N, C-alpha and C. Protein backbone atom coordinates (compact mmCIF):
# COMPACT_ATOMS: atom_id res chain seq x y z
N MET A 1 143.95 71.28 53.52
CA MET A 1 144.91 70.58 54.38
C MET A 1 144.76 69.07 54.18
N LYS A 2 145.86 68.38 54.02
CA LYS A 2 145.83 66.94 53.80
C LYS A 2 145.70 66.21 55.13
N CYS A 3 144.89 65.14 55.14
CA CYS A 3 144.75 64.32 56.33
C CYS A 3 146.12 63.75 56.71
N PRO A 4 146.58 63.90 57.98
CA PRO A 4 147.90 63.40 58.37
C PRO A 4 148.08 61.91 58.07
N GLY A 5 146.98 61.15 58.19
CA GLY A 5 147.07 59.73 57.92
C GLY A 5 147.34 59.42 56.47
N GLN A 6 147.05 60.38 55.56
CA GLN A 6 147.27 60.17 54.14
C GLN A 6 148.52 60.88 53.63
N ASP A 7 149.14 61.70 54.46
CA ASP A 7 150.32 62.48 54.05
C ASP A 7 151.58 61.65 54.29
N MET A 8 152.33 61.34 53.22
CA MET A 8 153.46 60.41 53.31
C MET A 8 154.59 60.94 54.19
N GLN A 9 154.65 62.24 54.45
CA GLN A 9 155.73 62.75 55.30
C GLN A 9 155.58 62.29 56.75
N PHE A 10 154.38 61.82 57.11
CA PHE A 10 154.16 61.33 58.47
C PHE A 10 154.24 59.80 58.54
N TRP A 11 154.52 59.16 57.42
CA TRP A 11 154.53 57.70 57.40
C TRP A 11 155.75 57.11 58.09
N LYS A 12 155.60 55.85 58.50
CA LYS A 12 156.68 55.08 59.09
C LYS A 12 157.07 53.95 58.14
N PRO A 13 158.24 53.31 58.34
CA PRO A 13 158.67 52.25 57.43
C PRO A 13 157.63 51.15 57.22
N GLY A 14 156.87 50.80 58.25
CA GLY A 14 155.89 49.72 58.14
C GLY A 14 154.64 50.09 57.38
N ASP A 15 154.55 51.34 56.91
CA ASP A 15 153.34 51.78 56.20
C ASP A 15 153.34 51.37 54.74
N ILE A 16 154.44 50.77 54.28
CA ILE A 16 154.52 50.18 52.94
C ILE A 16 154.87 48.71 53.16
N TYR A 17 154.06 47.81 52.65
CA TYR A 17 154.24 46.41 52.98
C TYR A 17 153.79 45.52 51.83
N GLU A 18 154.12 44.25 51.93
CA GLU A 18 153.74 43.28 50.91
C GLU A 18 152.67 42.34 51.44
N VAL A 19 151.73 41.98 50.54
CA VAL A 19 150.62 41.10 50.89
C VAL A 19 150.54 40.00 49.85
N ASP A 20 150.25 38.79 50.28
CA ASP A 20 150.09 37.69 49.34
C ASP A 20 148.78 37.81 48.58
N CYS A 21 148.85 37.71 47.26
CA CYS A 21 147.64 37.76 46.43
C CYS A 21 146.78 36.53 46.71
N PRO A 22 145.48 36.72 47.03
CA PRO A 22 144.62 35.57 47.29
C PRO A 22 144.34 34.74 46.03
N GLY A 23 144.67 35.32 44.86
CA GLY A 23 144.42 34.60 43.62
C GLY A 23 145.54 33.65 43.23
N CYS A 24 146.80 34.10 43.38
CA CYS A 24 147.93 33.27 42.92
C CYS A 24 149.03 33.10 43.95
N GLY A 25 148.96 33.85 45.04
CA GLY A 25 149.96 33.70 46.09
C GLY A 25 151.18 34.58 45.93
N ARG A 26 151.32 35.27 44.79
CA ARG A 26 152.47 36.17 44.60
C ARG A 26 152.31 37.39 45.51
N THR A 27 153.42 38.05 45.78
CA THR A 27 153.37 39.22 46.66
C THR A 27 152.97 40.47 45.88
N VAL A 28 152.18 41.30 46.51
CA VAL A 28 151.73 42.57 45.95
C VAL A 28 152.08 43.66 46.95
N GLU A 29 152.74 44.71 46.50
CA GLU A 29 153.12 45.81 47.39
C GLU A 29 151.94 46.75 47.61
N PHE A 30 151.68 47.08 48.85
CA PHE A 30 150.61 48.01 49.22
C PHE A 30 151.19 49.18 49.97
N PHE A 31 150.67 50.38 49.69
CA PHE A 31 150.85 51.52 50.57
C PHE A 31 149.67 51.47 51.54
N LYS A 32 149.84 51.98 52.74
CA LYS A 32 148.79 51.84 53.75
C LYS A 32 147.48 52.54 53.36
N ASP A 33 147.55 53.54 52.43
CA ASP A 33 146.33 54.23 52.05
C ASP A 33 145.72 53.69 50.76
N ASP A 34 146.27 52.57 50.24
CA ASP A 34 145.66 51.93 49.08
C ASP A 34 144.41 51.18 49.53
N THR A 35 143.25 51.48 48.93
CA THR A 35 142.06 50.72 49.26
C THR A 35 142.08 49.35 48.61
N ALA A 36 142.69 49.26 47.41
CA ALA A 36 142.80 47.98 46.70
C ALA A 36 143.91 48.08 45.68
N ARG A 37 144.45 46.91 45.28
CA ARG A 37 145.46 46.86 44.22
C ARG A 37 145.23 45.62 43.37
N ARG A 38 145.78 45.67 42.15
CA ARG A 38 145.66 44.55 41.23
C ARG A 38 147.00 43.81 41.17
N CYS A 39 146.93 42.50 41.25
CA CYS A 39 148.14 41.67 41.19
C CYS A 39 148.75 41.76 39.80
N GLY A 40 150.03 42.09 39.75
CA GLY A 40 150.71 42.20 38.46
C GLY A 40 150.91 40.87 37.77
N HIS A 41 150.77 39.77 38.50
CA HIS A 41 150.99 38.45 37.91
C HIS A 41 149.70 37.85 37.33
N CYS A 42 148.64 37.78 38.16
CA CYS A 42 147.40 37.13 37.69
C CYS A 42 146.28 38.11 37.38
N GLY A 43 146.44 39.39 37.73
CA GLY A 43 145.42 40.39 37.42
C GLY A 43 144.30 40.47 38.44
N HIS A 44 144.34 39.67 39.50
CA HIS A 44 143.29 39.70 40.52
C HIS A 44 143.36 41.00 41.32
N ARG A 45 142.23 41.68 41.46
CA ARG A 45 142.16 42.91 42.24
C ARG A 45 141.55 42.59 43.59
N PHE A 46 142.21 43.02 44.68
CA PHE A 46 141.68 42.72 46.01
C PHE A 46 141.93 43.89 46.95
N ALA A 47 141.09 43.92 48.01
CA ALA A 47 141.14 45.02 48.98
C ALA A 47 142.38 44.91 49.86
N ASN A 48 142.82 46.06 50.35
CA ASN A 48 143.96 46.13 51.26
C ASN A 48 143.55 45.53 52.61
N PRO A 49 144.10 44.38 52.99
CA PRO A 49 143.65 43.73 54.22
C PRO A 49 144.10 44.44 55.50
N LYS A 50 145.03 45.37 55.38
CA LYS A 50 145.53 46.06 56.58
C LYS A 50 145.02 47.49 56.71
N MET A 51 144.18 47.91 55.77
CA MET A 51 143.76 49.31 55.82
C MET A 51 142.77 49.55 56.94
N ASP A 52 142.98 50.61 57.66
CA ASP A 52 142.09 50.99 58.76
C ASP A 52 141.08 52.01 58.25
N PHE A 53 139.81 51.58 58.18
CA PHE A 53 138.75 52.47 57.69
C PHE A 53 138.03 53.17 58.83
N GLY A 54 138.60 53.15 60.03
CA GLY A 54 137.90 53.69 61.19
C GLY A 54 137.42 55.12 61.02
N CYS A 55 138.31 56.02 60.57
CA CYS A 55 137.91 57.43 60.46
C CYS A 55 136.88 57.62 59.36
N ALA A 56 136.89 56.72 58.36
CA ALA A 56 135.95 56.86 57.24
C ALA A 56 134.51 56.67 57.68
N ALA A 57 134.31 56.00 58.82
CA ALA A 57 132.95 55.74 59.28
C ALA A 57 132.24 57.02 59.70
N TYR A 58 133.01 58.05 60.11
CA TYR A 58 132.37 59.29 60.55
C TYR A 58 132.80 60.52 59.77
N CYS A 59 133.82 60.40 58.92
CA CYS A 59 134.31 61.58 58.20
C CYS A 59 133.45 61.86 56.97
N PRO A 60 132.91 63.08 56.82
CA PRO A 60 132.06 63.40 55.67
C PRO A 60 132.83 63.46 54.36
N TYR A 61 134.19 63.50 54.44
CA TYR A 61 134.99 63.60 53.22
C TYR A 61 135.66 62.27 52.88
N ALA A 62 135.15 61.19 53.46
CA ALA A 62 135.80 59.88 53.29
C ALA A 62 135.90 59.47 51.83
N GLU A 63 134.83 59.70 51.05
CA GLU A 63 134.86 59.24 49.67
C GLU A 63 135.89 60.01 48.85
N GLN A 64 136.03 61.32 49.10
CA GLN A 64 137.06 62.09 48.39
C GLN A 64 138.46 61.65 48.81
N CYS A 65 138.57 61.22 50.07
CA CYS A 65 139.88 60.88 50.62
C CYS A 65 140.36 59.52 50.15
N ILE A 66 139.49 58.50 50.23
CA ILE A 66 139.95 57.14 49.92
C ILE A 66 139.16 56.47 48.81
N GLY A 67 138.30 57.23 48.14
CA GLY A 67 137.58 56.64 47.01
C GLY A 67 136.35 55.87 47.47
N ASP A 68 135.95 54.88 46.67
CA ASP A 68 134.77 54.09 46.98
C ASP A 68 134.92 53.41 48.34
N LEU A 69 133.90 53.54 49.18
CA LEU A 69 133.96 52.96 50.51
C LEU A 69 133.51 51.51 50.50
N PRO A 70 134.16 50.66 51.30
CA PRO A 70 133.70 49.28 51.44
C PRO A 70 132.27 49.28 51.99
N PRO A 71 131.47 48.26 51.68
CA PRO A 71 130.07 48.22 52.14
C PRO A 71 129.92 48.35 53.65
N GLU A 72 130.84 47.71 54.41
CA GLU A 72 130.70 47.77 55.86
C GLU A 72 130.94 49.18 56.40
N VAL A 73 131.80 49.95 55.73
CA VAL A 73 132.06 51.32 56.17
C VAL A 73 130.87 52.21 55.81
N ALA A 74 130.32 52.01 54.62
CA ALA A 74 129.13 52.77 54.22
C ALA A 74 127.98 52.51 55.20
N ALA A 75 127.84 51.26 55.64
CA ALA A 75 126.79 50.92 56.60
C ALA A 75 127.03 51.64 57.94
N GLN A 76 128.29 51.72 58.36
CA GLN A 76 128.62 52.43 59.60
C GLN A 76 128.25 53.91 59.48
N GLN A 77 128.54 54.50 58.32
CA GLN A 77 128.21 55.91 58.12
C GLN A 77 126.71 56.13 58.23
N GLU A 78 125.92 55.20 57.65
CA GLU A 78 124.47 55.36 57.70
C GLU A 78 123.94 55.20 59.12
N ASN A 79 124.54 54.30 59.90
CA ASN A 79 124.13 54.14 61.29
C ASN A 79 124.42 55.41 62.10
N LEU A 80 125.59 56.00 61.85
CA LEU A 80 125.94 57.24 62.54
C LEU A 80 125.01 58.37 62.12
N LEU A 81 124.65 58.41 60.84
CA LEU A 81 123.73 59.44 60.36
C LEU A 81 122.40 59.33 61.07
N LYS A 82 121.89 58.12 61.22
CA LYS A 82 120.62 57.89 61.92
C LYS A 82 120.68 58.46 63.33
N ASP A 83 121.77 58.18 64.04
CA ASP A 83 121.91 58.68 65.41
C ASP A 83 122.00 60.20 65.45
N LYS A 84 122.73 60.78 64.50
CA LYS A 84 122.87 62.25 64.46
C LYS A 84 121.51 62.91 64.19
N VAL A 85 120.76 62.33 63.27
CA VAL A 85 119.44 62.89 62.95
C VAL A 85 118.51 62.78 64.15
N ALA A 86 118.53 61.64 64.84
CA ALA A 86 117.67 61.46 66.01
C ALA A 86 117.97 62.52 67.07
N ILE A 87 119.26 62.79 67.30
CA ILE A 87 119.65 63.80 68.28
C ILE A 87 119.20 65.19 67.84
N ALA A 88 119.37 65.48 66.55
CA ALA A 88 118.98 66.80 66.02
C ALA A 88 117.48 67.01 66.14
N VAL A 89 116.70 65.95 65.91
CA VAL A 89 115.24 66.05 66.02
C VAL A 89 114.83 66.32 67.46
N LYS A 90 115.49 65.66 68.41
CA LYS A 90 115.18 65.90 69.83
C LYS A 90 115.51 67.34 70.22
N ARG A 91 116.61 67.85 69.70
CA ARG A 91 116.95 69.25 69.97
C ARG A 91 115.91 70.19 69.37
N HIS A 92 115.47 69.86 68.16
CA HIS A 92 114.48 70.70 67.48
C HIS A 92 113.18 70.80 68.29
N PHE A 93 112.72 69.66 68.82
CA PHE A 93 111.45 69.66 69.55
C PHE A 93 111.60 70.13 70.99
N GLY A 94 112.83 70.17 71.48
CA GLY A 94 113.06 70.69 72.83
C GLY A 94 112.30 69.91 73.89
N ARG A 95 111.38 70.58 74.59
CA ARG A 95 110.62 69.94 75.67
C ARG A 95 109.26 69.42 75.19
N ASP A 96 109.09 69.37 73.90
CA ASP A 96 107.86 68.81 73.33
C ASP A 96 108.02 67.29 73.28
N PHE A 97 107.85 66.65 74.45
CA PHE A 97 108.12 65.22 74.57
C PHE A 97 107.10 64.38 73.79
N LYS A 98 105.93 64.91 73.58
CA LYS A 98 104.93 64.18 72.80
C LYS A 98 105.41 64.00 71.36
N SER A 99 105.93 65.08 70.78
CA SER A 99 106.43 65.00 69.40
C SER A 99 107.67 64.12 69.30
N ILE A 100 108.54 64.21 70.31
CA ILE A 100 109.74 63.37 70.33
C ILE A 100 109.35 61.90 70.39
N GLY A 101 108.40 61.58 71.27
CA GLY A 101 107.95 60.19 71.40
C GLY A 101 107.32 59.68 70.13
N HIS A 102 106.53 60.53 69.48
CA HIS A 102 105.87 60.12 68.23
C HIS A 102 106.90 59.86 67.14
N ALA A 103 107.87 60.76 67.00
CA ALA A 103 108.92 60.58 65.99
C ALA A 103 109.70 59.31 66.23
N SER A 104 109.98 59.01 67.49
CA SER A 104 110.73 57.79 67.83
C SER A 104 109.93 56.54 67.48
N ARG A 105 108.62 56.59 67.73
CA ARG A 105 107.78 55.43 67.39
C ARG A 105 107.70 55.23 65.89
N VAL A 106 107.52 56.31 65.15
CA VAL A 106 107.45 56.20 63.69
C VAL A 106 108.76 55.63 63.15
N ALA A 107 109.87 56.11 63.68
CA ALA A 107 111.18 55.63 63.23
C ALA A 107 111.37 54.15 63.57
N ARG A 108 110.92 53.75 64.75
CA ARG A 108 111.07 52.34 65.16
C ARG A 108 110.31 51.41 64.22
N TYR A 109 109.06 51.79 63.92
CA TYR A 109 108.28 50.95 63.01
C TYR A 109 108.83 51.01 61.58
N ALA A 110 109.30 52.18 61.18
CA ALA A 110 109.87 52.32 59.83
C ALA A 110 111.08 51.40 59.68
N GLU A 111 111.90 51.33 60.72
CA GLU A 111 113.09 50.47 60.66
C GLU A 111 112.69 49.00 60.57
N GLN A 112 111.72 48.59 61.39
CA GLN A 112 111.28 47.20 61.38
C GLN A 112 110.72 46.80 60.02
N ILE A 113 109.86 47.65 59.46
CA ILE A 113 109.24 47.33 58.17
C ILE A 113 110.27 47.36 57.05
N ALA A 114 111.14 48.38 57.07
CA ALA A 114 112.15 48.52 56.01
C ALA A 114 113.06 47.30 55.96
N ARG A 115 113.42 46.77 57.12
CA ARG A 115 114.28 45.58 57.14
C ARG A 115 113.56 44.38 56.53
N GLU A 116 112.29 44.23 56.85
CA GLU A 116 111.54 43.09 56.32
C GLU A 116 111.28 43.24 54.82
N GLU A 117 111.08 44.48 54.38
CA GLU A 117 110.74 44.72 52.98
C GLU A 117 111.98 44.96 52.12
N LYS A 118 113.17 44.89 52.72
CA LYS A 118 114.43 45.08 52.00
C LYS A 118 114.53 46.45 51.33
N ALA A 119 114.09 47.48 52.05
CA ALA A 119 114.12 48.85 51.52
C ALA A 119 115.44 49.51 51.89
N VAL A 120 115.65 50.72 51.34
CA VAL A 120 116.86 51.50 51.65
C VAL A 120 116.67 52.09 53.05
N LEU A 121 117.31 51.47 54.02
CA LEU A 121 117.07 51.81 55.42
C LEU A 121 117.43 53.25 55.75
N ALA A 122 118.55 53.74 55.23
CA ALA A 122 119.00 55.10 55.56
C ALA A 122 117.97 56.14 55.15
N VAL A 123 117.38 55.98 53.97
CA VAL A 123 116.40 56.94 53.48
C VAL A 123 115.12 56.88 54.31
N VAL A 124 114.59 55.67 54.50
CA VAL A 124 113.32 55.51 55.22
C VAL A 124 113.44 55.99 56.66
N LEU A 125 114.49 55.57 57.34
CA LEU A 125 114.63 55.88 58.76
C LEU A 125 114.88 57.37 58.99
N THR A 126 115.69 57.97 58.15
CA THR A 126 115.95 59.41 58.28
C THR A 126 114.67 60.21 58.02
N ALA A 127 113.92 59.82 57.00
CA ALA A 127 112.65 60.51 56.70
C ALA A 127 111.66 60.33 57.84
N ALA A 128 111.64 59.15 58.46
CA ALA A 128 110.72 58.90 59.56
C ALA A 128 111.00 59.83 60.74
N TYR A 129 112.26 60.02 61.07
CA TYR A 129 112.61 60.93 62.17
C TYR A 129 112.24 62.37 61.84
N LEU A 130 112.43 62.77 60.58
CA LEU A 130 112.26 64.17 60.20
C LEU A 130 110.86 64.53 59.72
N LEU A 131 109.97 63.55 59.70
CA LEU A 131 108.67 63.73 59.06
C LEU A 131 107.88 64.93 59.59
N ASP A 132 107.96 65.18 60.89
CA ASP A 132 107.10 66.22 61.49
C ASP A 132 107.84 67.51 61.84
N VAL A 133 109.13 67.61 61.53
CA VAL A 133 109.85 68.80 61.98
C VAL A 133 109.41 70.06 61.23
N ASP A 134 108.75 69.90 60.09
CA ASP A 134 108.30 71.07 59.32
C ASP A 134 106.83 71.38 59.51
N LYS A 135 106.18 70.76 60.49
CA LYS A 135 104.74 70.95 60.67
C LYS A 135 104.37 72.41 60.91
N GLN A 136 105.26 73.15 61.58
CA GLN A 136 104.98 74.56 61.88
C GLN A 136 105.67 75.52 60.92
N SER A 137 106.26 74.98 59.85
CA SER A 137 107.02 75.83 58.92
C SER A 137 106.44 75.72 57.51
N SER A 138 106.66 76.74 56.74
CA SER A 138 106.21 76.73 55.35
C SER A 138 107.32 76.15 54.46
N PRO A 139 106.94 75.33 53.49
CA PRO A 139 107.96 74.76 52.59
C PRO A 139 108.62 75.84 51.75
N VAL A 140 109.85 75.61 51.38
CA VAL A 140 110.59 76.52 50.50
C VAL A 140 110.77 75.82 49.16
N ASP A 141 110.16 76.39 48.12
CA ASP A 141 110.19 75.76 46.80
C ASP A 141 109.70 74.31 46.85
N GLY A 142 108.67 74.10 47.68
CA GLY A 142 108.08 72.77 47.78
C GLY A 142 108.88 71.80 48.61
N GLN A 143 109.98 72.26 49.21
CA GLN A 143 110.85 71.39 49.99
C GLN A 143 110.71 71.68 51.50
N PRO A 144 110.85 70.64 52.34
CA PRO A 144 110.79 70.84 53.79
C PRO A 144 112.05 71.54 54.30
N ALA A 145 111.93 72.81 54.60
CA ALA A 145 113.11 73.64 54.90
C ALA A 145 113.84 73.20 56.17
N VAL A 146 113.09 72.87 57.23
CA VAL A 146 113.74 72.50 58.49
C VAL A 146 114.45 71.16 58.34
N ALA A 147 113.79 70.21 57.69
CA ALA A 147 114.42 68.90 57.47
C ALA A 147 115.69 69.05 56.64
N ARG A 148 115.62 69.89 55.62
CA ARG A 148 116.80 70.11 54.77
C ARG A 148 117.94 70.71 55.60
N SER A 149 117.60 71.65 56.47
CA SER A 149 118.62 72.29 57.30
C SER A 149 119.28 71.27 58.24
N ILE A 150 118.49 70.40 58.82
CA ILE A 150 119.04 69.38 59.72
C ILE A 150 119.96 68.43 58.95
N LEU A 151 119.55 68.04 57.76
CA LEU A 151 120.37 67.14 56.95
C LEU A 151 121.70 67.79 56.58
N GLU A 152 121.68 69.10 56.36
CA GLU A 152 122.93 69.81 56.08
C GLU A 152 123.80 69.86 57.32
N GLN A 153 123.19 70.06 58.48
CA GLN A 153 123.94 70.11 59.74
C GLN A 153 124.67 68.80 60.02
N VAL A 154 124.01 67.67 59.72
CA VAL A 154 124.63 66.37 60.02
C VAL A 154 125.46 65.87 58.85
N LYS A 155 125.59 66.73 57.80
CA LYS A 155 126.43 66.41 56.64
C LYS A 155 126.01 65.12 55.92
N ALA A 156 124.70 65.00 55.71
CA ALA A 156 124.20 63.86 54.95
C ALA A 156 124.63 63.99 53.49
N ARG A 157 124.85 62.88 52.84
CA ARG A 157 125.21 62.90 51.42
C ARG A 157 124.12 63.63 50.63
N PRO A 158 124.49 64.50 49.68
CA PRO A 158 123.48 65.28 48.95
C PRO A 158 122.39 64.42 48.31
N GLU A 159 122.79 63.28 47.71
CA GLU A 159 121.78 62.46 47.05
C GLU A 159 120.82 61.83 48.06
N LEU A 160 121.35 61.46 49.25
CA LEU A 160 120.47 60.92 50.28
C LEU A 160 119.54 62.00 50.81
N ALA A 161 120.08 63.20 51.02
CA ALA A 161 119.27 64.33 51.50
C ALA A 161 118.14 64.64 50.52
N ASP A 162 118.43 64.58 49.23
CA ASP A 162 117.40 64.84 48.22
C ASP A 162 116.30 63.79 48.28
N GLN A 163 116.69 62.53 48.44
CA GLN A 163 115.70 61.46 48.52
C GLN A 163 114.82 61.61 49.75
N VAL A 164 115.44 61.95 50.87
CA VAL A 164 114.69 62.10 52.12
C VAL A 164 113.71 63.27 52.01
N CYS A 165 114.17 64.39 51.48
CA CYS A 165 113.30 65.56 51.37
C CYS A 165 112.15 65.32 50.39
N ALA A 166 112.43 64.59 49.32
CA ALA A 166 111.37 64.26 48.37
C ALA A 166 110.31 63.38 49.03
N LEU A 167 110.76 62.48 49.89
CA LEU A 167 109.83 61.60 50.59
C LEU A 167 108.99 62.38 51.60
N ILE A 168 109.63 63.30 52.32
CA ILE A 168 108.90 64.12 53.30
C ILE A 168 107.90 65.04 52.60
N ALA A 169 108.26 65.52 51.40
CA ALA A 169 107.37 66.39 50.65
C ALA A 169 106.06 65.70 50.28
N LEU A 170 106.08 64.35 50.29
CA LEU A 170 104.87 63.57 50.00
C LEU A 170 104.02 63.35 51.25
N ARG A 171 104.33 64.06 52.32
CA ARG A 171 103.74 63.84 53.66
C ARG A 171 102.24 63.56 53.60
N HIS A 172 101.51 64.31 52.80
CA HIS A 172 100.05 64.17 52.77
C HIS A 172 99.58 63.29 51.61
N GLU A 173 100.52 62.71 50.88
CA GLU A 173 100.15 61.87 49.75
C GLU A 173 100.75 60.48 49.83
N ILE A 174 101.44 60.17 50.92
CA ILE A 174 102.14 58.88 50.98
C ILE A 174 101.17 57.71 50.94
N GLY A 175 99.91 57.94 51.31
CA GLY A 175 98.94 56.86 51.24
C GLY A 175 98.59 56.48 49.83
N ARG A 176 98.92 57.35 48.87
CA ARG A 176 98.59 57.07 47.46
C ARG A 176 99.82 56.73 46.62
N SER A 177 101.00 56.98 47.14
CA SER A 177 102.22 56.73 46.38
C SER A 177 102.53 55.23 46.34
N ASP A 178 103.03 54.78 45.20
CA ASP A 178 103.40 53.36 45.05
C ASP A 178 104.87 53.09 45.36
N ASP A 179 105.65 54.14 45.65
CA ASP A 179 107.05 53.95 45.99
C ASP A 179 107.16 53.14 47.29
N LEU A 180 108.08 52.19 47.33
CA LEU A 180 108.22 51.34 48.51
C LEU A 180 108.50 52.16 49.76
N GLU A 181 109.41 53.14 49.65
CA GLU A 181 109.77 53.93 50.82
C GLU A 181 108.56 54.72 51.34
N ALA A 182 107.74 55.24 50.42
CA ALA A 182 106.55 55.98 50.83
C ALA A 182 105.53 55.06 51.49
N ARG A 183 105.39 53.86 50.96
CA ARG A 183 104.45 52.90 51.56
C ARG A 183 104.89 52.51 52.97
N ILE A 184 106.20 52.35 53.14
CA ILE A 184 106.72 52.01 54.47
C ILE A 184 106.48 53.14 55.45
N LEU A 185 106.70 54.38 54.99
CA LEU A 185 106.49 55.53 55.87
C LEU A 185 105.01 55.65 56.25
N HIS A 186 104.14 55.43 55.29
CA HIS A 186 102.69 55.43 55.56
C HIS A 186 102.35 54.41 56.65
N ASP A 187 102.91 53.20 56.51
CA ASP A 187 102.59 52.14 57.46
C ASP A 187 103.20 52.40 58.83
N ALA A 188 104.39 53.00 58.86
CA ALA A 188 105.02 53.32 60.14
C ALA A 188 104.18 54.35 60.91
N LEU A 189 103.66 55.32 60.20
CA LEU A 189 102.78 56.32 60.83
C LEU A 189 101.52 55.65 61.38
N LEU A 190 100.95 54.77 60.58
CA LEU A 190 99.73 54.07 60.97
C LEU A 190 99.96 53.26 62.25
N LEU A 191 101.06 52.52 62.29
CA LEU A 191 101.34 51.69 63.46
C LEU A 191 101.66 52.53 64.70
N ALA A 192 102.36 53.65 64.49
CA ALA A 192 102.66 54.54 65.62
C ALA A 192 101.38 55.08 66.23
N ARG A 193 100.43 55.44 65.39
CA ARG A 193 99.15 55.96 65.89
C ARG A 193 98.36 54.87 66.60
N LEU A 194 98.42 53.65 66.07
CA LEU A 194 97.76 52.53 66.73
C LEU A 194 98.33 52.31 68.13
N GLU A 195 99.66 52.35 68.22
CA GLU A 195 100.30 52.15 69.52
C GLU A 195 99.90 53.25 70.49
N GLU A 196 99.80 54.48 69.99
CA GLU A 196 99.42 55.60 70.85
C GLU A 196 97.98 55.46 71.33
N ARG A 197 97.11 54.95 70.47
CA ARG A 197 95.71 54.72 70.89
C ARG A 197 95.65 53.61 71.94
N LYS A 198 96.47 52.58 71.75
CA LYS A 198 96.50 51.49 72.73
C LYS A 198 96.99 52.01 74.08
N ARG A 199 98.01 52.85 74.05
CA ARG A 199 98.55 53.43 75.28
C ARG A 199 97.49 54.26 76.01
N ASP A 200 96.66 54.95 75.23
CA ASP A 200 95.63 55.81 75.80
C ASP A 200 94.34 55.05 76.13
N GLY A 201 94.34 53.73 75.93
CA GLY A 201 93.16 52.92 76.21
C GLY A 201 92.04 53.13 75.22
N ASP A 202 92.37 53.53 74.00
CA ASP A 202 91.35 53.87 73.01
C ASP A 202 91.48 52.98 71.76
N LEU A 203 91.90 51.73 71.96
CA LEU A 203 92.11 50.84 70.82
C LEU A 203 91.14 49.67 70.90
N SER A 204 90.37 49.49 69.84
CA SER A 204 89.40 48.39 69.78
C SER A 204 89.80 47.39 68.70
N PRO A 205 89.28 46.18 68.75
CA PRO A 205 89.55 45.20 67.70
C PRO A 205 89.18 45.72 66.31
N ASN A 206 88.14 46.54 66.27
CA ASN A 206 87.72 47.12 64.98
C ASN A 206 88.79 48.07 64.44
N ASN A 207 89.40 48.85 65.35
CA ASN A 207 90.48 49.75 64.94
C ASN A 207 91.64 48.97 64.33
N VAL A 208 91.99 47.86 64.96
CA VAL A 208 93.09 47.04 64.48
C VAL A 208 92.75 46.45 63.11
N ALA A 209 91.51 45.99 62.95
CA ALA A 209 91.09 45.40 61.67
C ALA A 209 91.13 46.44 60.56
N GLN A 210 90.67 47.65 60.86
CA GLN A 210 90.70 48.72 59.86
C GLN A 210 92.14 49.09 59.50
N ALA A 211 93.00 49.13 60.50
CA ALA A 211 94.40 49.47 60.26
C ALA A 211 95.07 48.41 59.40
N ALA A 212 94.79 47.14 59.69
CA ALA A 212 95.37 46.05 58.91
C ALA A 212 94.95 46.16 57.44
N GLU A 213 93.72 46.58 57.20
CA GLU A 213 93.25 46.76 55.82
C GLU A 213 93.95 47.92 55.15
N ALA A 214 94.27 48.94 55.94
CA ALA A 214 94.90 50.14 55.38
C ALA A 214 96.40 49.96 55.15
N CYS A 215 97.00 48.93 55.77
CA CYS A 215 98.43 48.70 55.61
C CYS A 215 98.79 48.51 54.14
N ARG A 216 99.95 49.01 53.76
CA ARG A 216 100.38 48.90 52.37
C ARG A 216 101.58 47.97 52.20
N THR A 217 101.98 47.30 53.30
CA THR A 217 103.03 46.30 53.24
C THR A 217 102.60 45.09 54.08
N ALA A 218 103.11 43.93 53.72
CA ALA A 218 102.81 42.73 54.49
C ALA A 218 103.37 42.83 55.90
N ALA A 219 104.53 43.45 56.04
CA ALA A 219 105.14 43.60 57.36
C ALA A 219 104.25 44.42 58.29
N CYS A 220 103.60 45.43 57.76
CA CYS A 220 102.70 46.26 58.57
C CYS A 220 101.51 45.45 59.06
N ARG A 221 100.94 44.62 58.20
CA ARG A 221 99.78 43.83 58.60
C ARG A 221 100.14 42.89 59.74
N ARG A 222 101.32 42.32 59.68
CA ARG A 222 101.75 41.45 60.77
C ARG A 222 101.92 42.22 62.07
N GLN A 223 102.49 43.41 61.97
CA GLN A 223 102.69 44.24 63.16
C GLN A 223 101.34 44.68 63.75
N ALA A 224 100.40 45.03 62.89
CA ALA A 224 99.10 45.50 63.36
C ALA A 224 98.39 44.41 64.17
N GLN A 225 98.50 43.17 63.70
CA GLN A 225 97.84 42.07 64.41
C GLN A 225 98.45 41.87 65.79
N ARG A 226 99.74 42.16 65.94
CA ARG A 226 100.39 42.00 67.24
C ARG A 226 99.91 43.05 68.24
N LEU A 227 99.46 44.20 67.72
CA LEU A 227 98.97 45.25 68.62
C LEU A 227 97.55 44.95 69.09
């Protein structure tokens, strides 16, 4: 079934319009579902300034529907994915509030470090939320089965799901991996545990010093000193 917004039989007269080329000022005709067009006079290619990408932010078929997504829309999709994964993880743990709290802390630190280290936020943050959902399950072909199932439920992009599952599969080796995302996940776990020890009144200056030495990113060392 074709999306009604893309089916021309539902269009109105104003859905085909002219836009001034930012390169030469000549008019370029746009259909409302054109993501971009090239000026026939100067050859400049530019985005459709009137296109509404709202549905693309949450639709899993957006790329098939309108082609390459603008960066801001891709970012919106990743933010929505993060929220969907967080909700799915809470449902998975049910009334196990300790596990929910731990996952939230790991994700919070993972986001902070990933932003400072310029890492791929969607991969790191999704893996941080899903890190412990397979603790009571056996891997299938070396892959975290529960995490994979959740990623399928929230319709994560296949390549992102593969990256996240590969990262989770390193659960017991992330302290030795040189991949940036693995180092960030290692440090997020370390900081979450430090915070939990502080909450329980079991944190000493020596613990903080040891944690700072164990950090694998500069951002983690700064965070550890704040605790």
